[in-house]
Amino acid sequence: MTAPSWGSHSDTFPCCGWTGQGGGAGVKGCREIAQLIREVAPGASRIVLPVGTGTTLAGIVSGLAPTAEVVGISALKGALDLDQRGFDW
């Protein structure tokens, strides 16, 4: 599987970074977000973000120091059973 070409988007939005969608590519790309957080806010001890599938959350968690607290707030309509799904970050 080859990575998609972001050529037209990169030309239109040169100041933006583009991350692969979902799964392993998404997690890897979101580690870059964690790197940016480390650079821009090196003293940050808590990161809070909305969560859908969890890909962004997984990438940020894997890219930050183990001492950083990452809090995900579900953005899924009707997701009232998350405490029963067995997430263990």
N, C-alpha and C. Protein backbone atom coordinates (compact mmCIF):
# COMPACT_ATOMS: atom_id res chain seq x y z
N MET A 1 0.85 -1.18 0.00
CA MET A 1 0.00 0.00 0.00
C MET A 1 0.89 1.24 0.00
N THR A 2 0.64 2.15 -0.91
CA THR A 2 1.45 3.37 -0.98
C THR A 2 0.70 4.52 -0.32
N ALA A 3 1.48 5.46 0.21
CA ALA A 3 0.89 6.63 0.83
C ALA A 3 0.25 7.51 -0.24
N PRO A 4 -0.88 8.15 0.11
CA PRO A 4 -1.53 9.01 -0.87
C PRO A 4 -0.68 10.25 -1.15
N SER A 5 -0.86 10.83 -2.31
CA SER A 5 -0.16 12.06 -2.66
C SER A 5 -0.97 13.25 -2.16
N TRP A 6 -0.33 14.12 -1.41
CA TRP A 6 -1.01 15.31 -0.90
C TRP A 6 -0.64 16.52 -1.74
N GLY A 7 -0.12 16.29 -2.95
CA GLY A 7 0.38 17.38 -3.79
C GLY A 7 -0.54 18.58 -3.88
N SER A 8 -1.78 18.40 -4.28
CA SER A 8 -2.66 19.55 -4.48
C SER A 8 -2.94 20.25 -3.16
N HIS A 9 -3.08 19.51 -2.07
CA HIS A 9 -3.32 20.13 -0.77
C HIS A 9 -2.08 20.88 -0.30
N SER A 10 -0.93 20.29 -0.48
CA SER A 10 0.31 20.92 -0.05
C SER A 10 0.55 22.22 -0.80
N ASP A 11 0.19 22.25 -2.07
CA ASP A 11 0.35 23.47 -2.86
C ASP A 11 -0.63 24.55 -2.40
N THR A 12 -1.83 24.15 -2.07
CA THR A 12 -2.86 25.10 -1.65
C THR A 12 -2.63 25.60 -0.23
N PHE A 13 -2.16 24.70 0.66
CA PHE A 13 -1.96 25.03 2.06
C PHE A 13 -0.52 24.72 2.46
N PRO A 14 0.45 25.49 1.98
CA PRO A 14 1.86 25.16 2.22
C PRO A 14 2.28 25.20 3.68
N CYS A 15 1.54 25.89 4.53
CA CYS A 15 1.94 25.99 5.94
C CYS A 15 1.38 24.84 6.78
N CYS A 16 0.63 23.95 6.16
CA CYS A 16 -0.02 22.86 6.91
C CYS A 16 0.72 21.55 6.75
N GLY A 17 0.63 20.72 7.77
CA GLY A 17 1.16 19.37 7.68
C GLY A 17 0.02 18.41 7.40
N TRP A 18 0.29 17.37 6.66
CA TRP A 18 -0.75 16.41 6.29
C TRP A 18 -0.40 15.05 6.89
N THR A 19 -1.40 14.43 7.49
CA THR A 19 -1.22 13.16 8.17
C THR A 19 -2.07 12.10 7.50
N GLY A 20 -1.53 10.88 7.40
CA GLY A 20 -2.29 9.77 6.85
C GLY A 20 -3.56 9.53 7.64
N GLN A 21 -4.54 8.95 7.01
CA GLN A 21 -5.84 8.76 7.62
C GLN A 21 -5.95 7.41 8.30
N GLY A 22 -6.26 7.40 9.57
CA GLY A 22 -6.59 6.20 10.32
C GLY A 22 -5.48 5.19 10.49
N GLY A 23 -5.68 4.28 11.42
CA GLY A 23 -4.77 3.16 11.64
C GLY A 23 -3.34 3.56 11.89
N GLY A 24 -2.41 2.72 11.46
CA GLY A 24 -0.99 2.93 11.71
C GLY A 24 -0.46 4.22 11.12
N ALA A 25 -0.90 4.58 9.92
CA ALA A 25 -0.43 5.83 9.30
C ALA A 25 -0.89 7.02 10.11
N GLY A 26 -2.11 6.96 10.61
CA GLY A 26 -2.64 8.05 11.42
C GLY A 26 -1.91 8.19 12.74
N VAL A 27 -1.64 7.07 13.40
CA VAL A 27 -0.91 7.09 14.67
C VAL A 27 0.48 7.67 14.44
N LYS A 28 1.14 7.21 13.40
CA LYS A 28 2.49 7.70 13.09
C LYS A 28 2.46 9.21 12.83
N GLY A 29 1.50 9.65 12.06
CA GLY A 29 1.38 11.08 11.76
C GLY A 29 1.07 11.90 12.99
N CYS A 30 0.28 11.36 13.89
CA CYS A 30 -0.09 12.10 15.10
C CYS A 30 1.06 12.16 16.11
N ARG A 31 2.05 11.30 15.95
CA ARG A 31 3.26 11.45 16.76
C ARG A 31 3.94 12.77 16.42
N GLU A 32 3.78 13.21 15.18
CA GLU A 32 4.33 14.50 14.78
C GLU A 32 3.62 15.64 15.52
N ILE A 33 2.34 15.47 15.80
CA ILE A 33 1.61 16.46 16.60
C ILE A 33 2.21 16.50 18.00
N ALA A 34 2.51 15.33 18.55
CA ALA A 34 3.13 15.27 19.88
C ALA A 34 4.48 15.96 19.87
N GLN A 35 5.23 15.79 18.81
CA GLN A 35 6.53 16.47 18.69
C GLN A 35 6.33 17.98 18.69
N LEU A 36 5.32 18.46 17.97
CA LEU A 36 5.03 19.88 17.94
C LEU A 36 4.64 20.38 19.33
N ILE A 37 3.84 19.61 20.05
CA ILE A 37 3.46 19.98 21.42
C ILE A 37 4.70 20.09 22.29
N ARG A 38 5.61 19.13 22.17
CA ARG A 38 6.85 19.16 22.96
C ARG A 38 7.67 20.41 22.65
N GLU A 39 7.69 20.82 21.38
CA GLU A 39 8.47 21.98 20.98
C GLU A 39 7.81 23.30 21.42
N VAL A 40 6.50 23.40 21.24
CA VAL A 40 5.78 24.64 21.50
C VAL A 40 5.47 24.82 22.98
N ALA A 41 5.17 23.74 23.66
CA ALA A 41 4.80 23.80 25.08
C ALA A 41 5.56 22.73 25.86
N PRO A 42 6.88 22.89 26.00
CA PRO A 42 7.68 21.83 26.62
C PRO A 42 7.30 21.52 28.06
N GLY A 43 6.67 22.45 28.75
CA GLY A 43 6.29 22.21 30.13
C GLY A 43 4.87 21.68 30.31
N ALA A 44 4.18 21.41 29.20
CA ALA A 44 2.79 20.95 29.30
C ALA A 44 2.74 19.61 30.01
N SER A 45 1.87 19.53 31.01
CA SER A 45 1.74 18.28 31.75
C SER A 45 0.42 17.59 31.48
N ARG A 46 -0.52 18.30 30.85
CA ARG A 46 -1.82 17.70 30.53
C ARG A 46 -2.28 18.20 29.17
N ILE A 47 -2.66 17.26 28.31
CA ILE A 47 -3.18 17.56 26.97
C ILE A 47 -4.61 17.01 26.94
N VAL A 48 -5.56 17.83 26.52
CA VAL A 48 -6.96 17.42 26.43
C VAL A 48 -7.39 17.56 24.98
N LEU A 49 -8.01 16.51 24.42
CA LEU A 49 -8.43 16.57 23.03
C LEU A 49 -9.69 15.75 22.80
N PRO A 50 -10.47 16.11 21.77
CA PRO A 50 -11.65 15.31 21.42
C PRO A 50 -11.20 14.00 20.78
N VAL A 51 -12.00 12.96 20.96
CA VAL A 51 -11.65 11.64 20.45
C VAL A 51 -12.83 11.05 19.68
N GLY A 52 -12.52 10.54 18.50
CA GLY A 52 -13.50 9.80 17.72
C GLY A 52 -13.11 8.34 17.75
N THR A 53 -12.26 7.94 16.81
CA THR A 53 -11.81 6.54 16.75
C THR A 53 -10.66 6.25 17.71
N GLY A 54 -9.95 7.29 18.14
CA GLY A 54 -8.83 7.10 19.05
C GLY A 54 -7.47 7.15 18.39
N THR A 55 -7.43 7.30 17.06
CA THR A 55 -6.15 7.31 16.35
C THR A 55 -5.28 8.49 16.77
N THR A 56 -5.86 9.68 16.81
CA THR A 56 -5.10 10.86 17.21
C THR A 56 -4.62 10.72 18.64
N LEU A 57 -5.49 10.28 19.52
CA LEU A 57 -5.13 10.07 20.92
C LEU A 57 -3.97 9.09 21.04
N ALA A 58 -4.04 7.99 20.32
CA ALA A 58 -2.98 6.98 20.38
C ALA A 58 -1.64 7.55 19.90
N GLY A 59 -1.67 8.32 18.83
CA GLY A 59 -0.43 8.91 18.32
C GLY A 59 0.17 9.91 19.28
N ILE A 60 -0.68 10.74 19.87
CA ILE A 60 -0.18 11.74 20.82
C ILE A 60 0.36 11.07 22.07
N VAL A 61 -0.36 10.09 22.60
CA VAL A 61 0.12 9.37 23.78
C VAL A 61 1.47 8.72 23.50
N SER A 62 1.61 8.09 22.33
CA SER A 62 2.86 7.39 22.03
C SER A 62 4.01 8.35 21.75
N GLY A 63 3.70 9.61 21.45
CA GLY A 63 4.75 10.57 21.13
C GLY A 63 5.16 11.48 22.27
N LEU A 64 4.45 11.42 23.38
CA LEU A 64 4.79 12.26 24.53
C LEU A 64 5.49 11.45 25.60
N ALA A 65 6.10 12.15 26.53
CA ALA A 65 6.76 11.49 27.66
C ALA A 65 5.72 10.76 28.50
N PRO A 66 6.11 9.67 29.14
CA PRO A 66 5.18 8.90 29.96
C PRO A 66 4.59 9.71 31.12
N THR A 67 5.23 10.79 31.49
CA THR A 67 4.73 11.61 32.60
C THR A 67 3.62 12.57 32.17
N ALA A 68 3.44 12.77 30.86
CA ALA A 68 2.38 13.66 30.38
C ALA A 68 1.04 12.97 30.51
N GLU A 69 0.05 13.71 30.98
CA GLU A 69 -1.31 13.18 31.08
C GLU A 69 -2.06 13.60 29.82
N VAL A 70 -2.63 12.62 29.12
CA VAL A 70 -3.42 12.91 27.93
C VAL A 70 -4.85 12.48 28.21
N VAL A 71 -5.77 13.44 28.08
CA VAL A 71 -7.18 13.19 28.38
C VAL A 71 -7.96 13.27 27.08
N GLY A 72 -8.68 12.21 26.77
CA GLY A 72 -9.52 12.20 25.58
C GLY A 72 -10.98 12.31 25.97
N ILE A 73 -11.70 13.20 25.31
CA ILE A 73 -13.13 13.39 25.57
C ILE A 73 -13.86 12.93 24.31
N SER A 74 -14.75 11.97 24.49
CA SER A 74 -15.45 11.40 23.35
C SER A 74 -16.25 12.44 22.59
N ALA A 75 -16.09 12.43 21.29
CA ALA A 75 -16.85 13.31 20.40
C ALA A 75 -17.92 12.50 19.66
N LEU A 76 -18.13 11.27 20.08
CA LEU A 76 -19.09 10.39 19.42
C LEU A 76 -20.47 10.56 20.04
N LYS A 77 -21.44 10.81 19.21
CA LYS A 77 -22.81 10.94 19.68
C LYS A 77 -23.29 9.61 20.26
N GLY A 78 -23.80 9.66 21.46
CA GLY A 78 -24.37 8.47 22.08
C GLY A 78 -23.37 7.48 22.62
N ALA A 79 -22.11 7.86 22.72
CA ALA A 79 -21.08 6.93 23.24
C ALA A 79 -21.11 6.96 24.76
N LEU A 80 -22.10 6.30 25.32
CA LEU A 80 -22.29 6.32 26.77
C LEU A 80 -21.66 5.11 27.45
N ASP A 81 -21.10 4.19 26.68
CA ASP A 81 -20.57 2.96 27.25
C ASP A 81 -19.05 2.88 27.20
N LEU A 82 -18.37 4.00 27.05
CA LEU A 82 -16.92 3.97 26.89
C LEU A 82 -16.20 3.38 28.09
N ASP A 83 -16.75 3.59 29.28
CA ASP A 83 -16.11 3.02 30.47
C ASP A 83 -16.19 1.50 30.48
N GLN A 84 -17.04 0.92 29.67
CA GLN A 84 -17.19 -0.52 29.61
C GLN A 84 -16.43 -1.15 28.44
N ARG A 85 -15.79 -0.36 27.61
CA ARG A 85 -15.11 -0.88 26.42
C ARG A 85 -13.70 -1.36 26.68
N GLY A 86 -13.19 -1.13 27.87
CA GLY A 86 -11.88 -1.68 28.21
C GLY A 86 -10.68 -0.91 27.70
N PHE A 87 -10.83 0.38 27.50
CA PHE A 87 -9.67 1.18 27.10
C PHE A 87 -8.71 1.29 28.26
N ASP A 88 -7.46 1.06 28.01
CA ASP A 88 -6.44 1.16 29.06
C ASP A 88 -5.24 1.89 28.51
N TRP A 89 -5.24 3.18 28.59
CA TRP A 89 -4.14 3.99 28.08
C TRP A 89 -3.15 4.13 29.18
